[in-house]
Amino acid sequence: MEISTRTTMMLRTPPAVSVWLKAKRRERGMTQNELAQKAGVTQRLVSDFERGKVDIRVDTLCRLFIAVCAILRSGVVCHAG
């Protein structure tokens, strides 16, 4: 029997997470579209997430954080590269 190592987990994110992401994106002068391109998602997903309108997959949230951290080089939430 084969067990998949890839599971899709949805994460109901606290509002503070989307507020933080939006603030950091703006702090760096990035548009939602620029963040979306760096994270490999759509601009609409970034917009909906920042407004708290969608639940988000854990892997997608990680890609958004990595994209922001790569810009910030801060390591506040994650270390990219």
N, C-alpha and C. Protein backbone atom coordinates (compact mmCIF):
# COMPACT_ATOMS: atom_id res chain seq x y z
N MET A 1 0.85 -1.18 0.00
CA MET A 1 0.00 0.00 0.00
C MET A 1 0.90 1.24 0.00
N GLU A 2 0.57 2.16 -0.87
CA GLU A 2 1.35 3.39 -0.98
C GLU A 2 0.67 4.51 -0.21
N ILE A 3 1.45 5.23 0.57
CA ILE A 3 0.91 6.35 1.34
C ILE A 3 1.49 7.62 0.75
N SER A 4 0.62 8.54 0.44
CA SER A 4 1.06 9.81 -0.12
C SER A 4 1.73 10.65 0.95
N THR A 5 2.88 11.20 0.62
CA THR A 5 3.57 12.07 1.57
C THR A 5 3.09 13.51 1.43
N ARG A 6 2.32 13.78 0.39
CA ARG A 6 1.80 15.14 0.17
C ARG A 6 0.36 15.20 0.65
N THR A 7 0.15 15.99 1.66
CA THR A 7 -1.21 16.20 2.14
C THR A 7 -1.53 17.67 2.00
N THR A 8 -2.76 17.94 1.69
CA THR A 8 -3.18 19.32 1.56
C THR A 8 -3.88 19.72 2.84
N MET A 9 -3.27 20.63 3.54
CA MET A 9 -3.84 21.10 4.79
C MET A 9 -4.29 22.53 4.61
N MET A 10 -5.50 22.80 5.00
CA MET A 10 -6.01 24.16 4.98
C MET A 10 -5.75 24.77 6.35
N LEU A 11 -5.41 26.04 6.35
CA LEU A 11 -5.09 26.71 7.59
C LEU A 11 -6.00 27.91 7.75
N ARG A 12 -6.77 27.91 8.81
CA ARG A 12 -7.59 29.08 9.12
C ARG A 12 -6.67 30.04 9.85
N THR A 13 -6.19 31.02 9.12
CA THR A 13 -5.17 31.91 9.66
C THR A 13 -5.77 33.00 10.52
N PRO A 14 -5.13 33.31 11.63
CA PRO A 14 -5.60 34.43 12.44
C PRO A 14 -5.44 35.73 11.64
N PRO A 15 -6.30 36.70 11.87
CA PRO A 15 -6.21 37.96 11.14
C PRO A 15 -4.83 38.61 11.22
N ALA A 16 -4.13 38.43 12.32
CA ALA A 16 -2.82 39.06 12.48
C ALA A 16 -1.83 38.60 11.42
N VAL A 17 -1.97 37.39 10.92
CA VAL A 17 -1.05 36.87 9.91
C VAL A 17 -1.23 37.62 8.60
N SER A 18 -2.47 37.78 8.17
CA SER A 18 -2.70 38.50 6.91
C SER A 18 -2.38 39.99 7.06
N VAL A 19 -2.62 40.54 8.24
CA VAL A 19 -2.27 41.94 8.49
C VAL A 19 -0.75 42.12 8.42
N TRP A 20 -0.01 41.19 9.00
CA TRP A 20 1.46 41.25 8.97
C TRP A 20 1.97 41.17 7.54
N LEU A 21 1.43 40.21 6.78
CA LEU A 21 1.88 40.04 5.41
C LEU A 21 1.61 41.29 4.58
N LYS A 22 0.43 41.85 4.73
CA LYS A 22 0.08 43.07 3.98
C LYS A 22 1.00 44.23 4.37
N ALA A 23 1.26 44.38 5.66
CA ALA A 23 2.12 45.47 6.14
C ALA A 23 3.54 45.32 5.60
N LYS A 24 4.07 44.11 5.61
CA LYS A 24 5.43 43.89 5.11
C LYS A 24 5.50 44.10 3.60
N ARG A 25 4.47 43.66 2.90
CA ARG A 25 4.44 43.87 1.46
C ARG A 25 4.46 45.36 1.14
N ARG A 26 3.62 46.10 1.83
CA ARG A 26 3.56 47.55 1.61
C ARG A 26 4.84 48.25 2.03
N GLU A 27 5.42 47.80 3.13
CA GLU A 27 6.67 48.38 3.65
C GLU A 27 7.77 48.32 2.58
N ARG A 28 7.76 47.26 1.81
CA ARG A 28 8.77 47.09 0.76
C ARG A 28 8.33 47.68 -0.58
N GLY A 29 7.16 48.30 -0.61
CA GLY A 29 6.70 48.91 -1.85
C GLY A 29 6.29 47.91 -2.92
N MET A 30 5.91 46.73 -2.50
CA MET A 30 5.49 45.69 -3.44
C MET A 30 4.01 45.77 -3.70
N THR A 31 3.61 45.46 -4.91
CA THR A 31 2.19 45.33 -5.21
C THR A 31 1.75 43.90 -4.89
N GLN A 32 0.46 43.71 -4.82
CA GLN A 32 -0.05 42.35 -4.63
C GLN A 32 0.38 41.46 -5.79
N ASN A 33 0.39 42.03 -6.98
CA ASN A 33 0.78 41.25 -8.15
C ASN A 33 2.24 40.81 -8.08
N GLU A 34 3.11 41.69 -7.62
CA GLU A 34 4.53 41.33 -7.48
C GLU A 34 4.72 40.21 -6.46
N LEU A 35 4.03 40.31 -5.33
CA LEU A 35 4.10 39.26 -4.33
C LEU A 35 3.56 37.95 -4.89
N ALA A 36 2.44 38.04 -5.58
CA ALA A 36 1.83 36.85 -6.16
C ALA A 36 2.78 36.16 -7.14
N GLN A 37 3.44 36.94 -7.98
CA GLN A 37 4.38 36.36 -8.94
C GLN A 37 5.54 35.68 -8.23
N LYS A 38 6.08 36.31 -7.20
CA LYS A 38 7.21 35.73 -6.47
C LYS A 38 6.81 34.44 -5.74
N ALA A 39 5.55 34.39 -5.29
CA ALA A 39 5.07 33.23 -4.54
C ALA A 39 4.43 32.17 -5.42
N GLY A 40 4.21 32.50 -6.70
CA GLY A 40 3.60 31.53 -7.61
C GLY A 40 2.11 31.34 -7.38
N VAL A 41 1.45 32.41 -6.98
CA VAL A 41 0.00 32.37 -6.78
C VAL A 41 -0.64 33.51 -7.57
N THR A 42 -1.96 33.62 -7.51
CA THR A 42 -2.63 34.69 -8.23
C THR A 42 -2.73 35.94 -7.36
N GLN A 43 -2.86 37.07 -8.02
CA GLN A 43 -3.06 38.34 -7.31
C GLN A 43 -4.35 38.29 -6.53
N ARG A 44 -5.36 37.66 -7.08
CA ARG A 44 -6.65 37.56 -6.39
C ARG A 44 -6.52 36.80 -5.07
N LEU A 45 -5.72 35.75 -5.05
CA LEU A 45 -5.53 35.00 -3.80
C LEU A 45 -4.86 35.90 -2.76
N VAL A 46 -3.84 36.66 -3.17
CA VAL A 46 -3.16 37.57 -2.23
C VAL A 46 -4.17 38.58 -1.70
N SER A 47 -4.97 39.16 -2.58
CA SER A 47 -5.97 40.14 -2.17
C SER A 47 -6.98 39.54 -1.20
N ASP A 48 -7.52 38.39 -1.57
CA ASP A 48 -8.51 37.73 -0.70
C ASP A 48 -7.91 37.36 0.65
N PHE A 49 -6.66 36.89 0.65
CA PHE A 49 -6.00 36.52 1.90
C PHE A 49 -5.78 37.74 2.78
N GLU A 50 -5.30 38.82 2.18
CA GLU A 50 -5.04 40.03 2.96
C GLU A 50 -6.33 40.60 3.57
N ARG A 51 -7.46 40.35 2.93
CA ARG A 51 -8.74 40.82 3.45
C ARG A 51 -9.44 39.78 4.33
N GLY A 52 -8.77 38.64 4.55
CA GLY A 52 -9.35 37.61 5.42
C GLY A 52 -10.52 36.88 4.80
N LYS A 53 -10.58 36.84 3.48
CA LYS A 53 -11.73 36.25 2.79
C LYS A 53 -11.56 34.78 2.46
N VAL A 54 -10.34 34.24 2.57
CA VAL A 54 -10.12 32.84 2.20
C VAL A 54 -9.29 32.12 3.24
N ASP A 55 -9.55 30.82 3.36
CA ASP A 55 -8.63 29.95 4.09
C ASP A 55 -7.53 29.62 3.10
N ILE A 56 -6.36 29.33 3.59
CA ILE A 56 -5.22 29.15 2.71
C ILE A 56 -4.50 27.86 3.05
N ARG A 57 -3.98 27.20 2.03
CA ARG A 57 -3.22 25.98 2.26
C ARG A 57 -1.90 26.33 2.93
N VAL A 58 -1.43 25.43 3.75
CA VAL A 58 -0.19 25.65 4.50
C VAL A 58 0.98 25.91 3.54
N ASP A 59 1.07 25.12 2.47
CA ASP A 59 2.18 25.31 1.55
C ASP A 59 2.11 26.66 0.84
N THR A 60 0.91 27.15 0.58
CA THR A 60 0.75 28.46 -0.05
C THR A 60 1.16 29.56 0.92
N LEU A 61 0.77 29.44 2.17
CA LEU A 61 1.18 30.41 3.18
C LEU A 61 2.70 30.46 3.30
N CYS A 62 3.34 29.30 3.28
CA CYS A 62 4.80 29.25 3.34
C CYS A 62 5.41 29.95 2.14
N ARG A 63 4.86 29.75 0.96
CA ARG A 63 5.40 30.41 -0.23
C ARG A 63 5.26 31.92 -0.13
N LEU A 64 4.14 32.40 0.42
CA LEU A 64 3.97 33.85 0.61
C LEU A 64 5.00 34.38 1.60
N PHE A 65 5.19 33.67 2.71
CA PHE A 65 6.18 34.09 3.71
C PHE A 65 7.59 34.10 3.13
N ILE A 66 7.92 33.06 2.38
CA ILE A 66 9.26 32.99 1.78
C ILE A 66 9.46 34.14 0.81
N ALA A 67 8.44 34.45 0.02
CA ALA A 67 8.55 35.56 -0.93
C ALA A 67 8.77 36.88 -0.19
N VAL A 68 8.07 37.10 0.90
CA VAL A 68 8.23 38.33 1.67
C VAL A 68 9.58 38.33 2.38
N CYS A 69 9.97 37.22 2.94
CA CYS A 69 11.25 37.14 3.65
C CYS A 69 12.42 37.32 2.70
N ALA A 70 12.30 36.81 1.51
CA ALA A 70 13.37 36.97 0.53
C ALA A 70 13.57 38.45 0.22
N ILE A 71 12.49 39.21 0.24
CA ILE A 71 12.56 40.64 0.01
C ILE A 71 13.10 41.34 1.25
N LEU A 72 12.60 40.95 2.41
CA LEU A 72 12.97 41.62 3.66
C LEU A 72 14.36 41.23 4.16
N ARG A 73 14.73 39.99 3.90
CA ARG A 73 15.99 39.46 4.42
C ARG A 73 16.04 39.60 5.95
N SER A 74 14.89 39.42 6.60
CA SER A 74 14.82 39.68 8.03
C SER A 74 14.84 38.44 8.88
N GLY A 75 14.28 37.36 8.40
CA GLY A 75 14.21 36.14 9.21
C GLY A 75 13.22 36.26 10.33
N VAL A 76 12.34 37.26 10.31
CA VAL A 76 11.37 37.42 11.40
C VAL A 76 10.46 36.21 11.47
N VAL A 77 9.98 35.75 10.33
CA VAL A 77 9.08 34.62 10.30
C VAL A 77 9.75 33.40 9.70
N CYS A 78 10.62 33.62 8.74
CA CYS A 78 11.25 32.48 8.07
C CYS A 78 12.62 32.91 7.53
N HIS A 79 13.37 31.94 7.19
CA HIS A 79 14.66 32.20 6.54
C HIS A 79 14.57 31.70 5.12
N ALA A 80 14.78 32.56 4.17
CA ALA A 80 14.73 32.16 2.76
C ALA A 80 16.16 32.10 2.22
N GLY A 81 16.56 30.92 1.87
CA GLY A 81 17.87 30.73 1.25
C GLY A 81 18.96 30.96 2.17
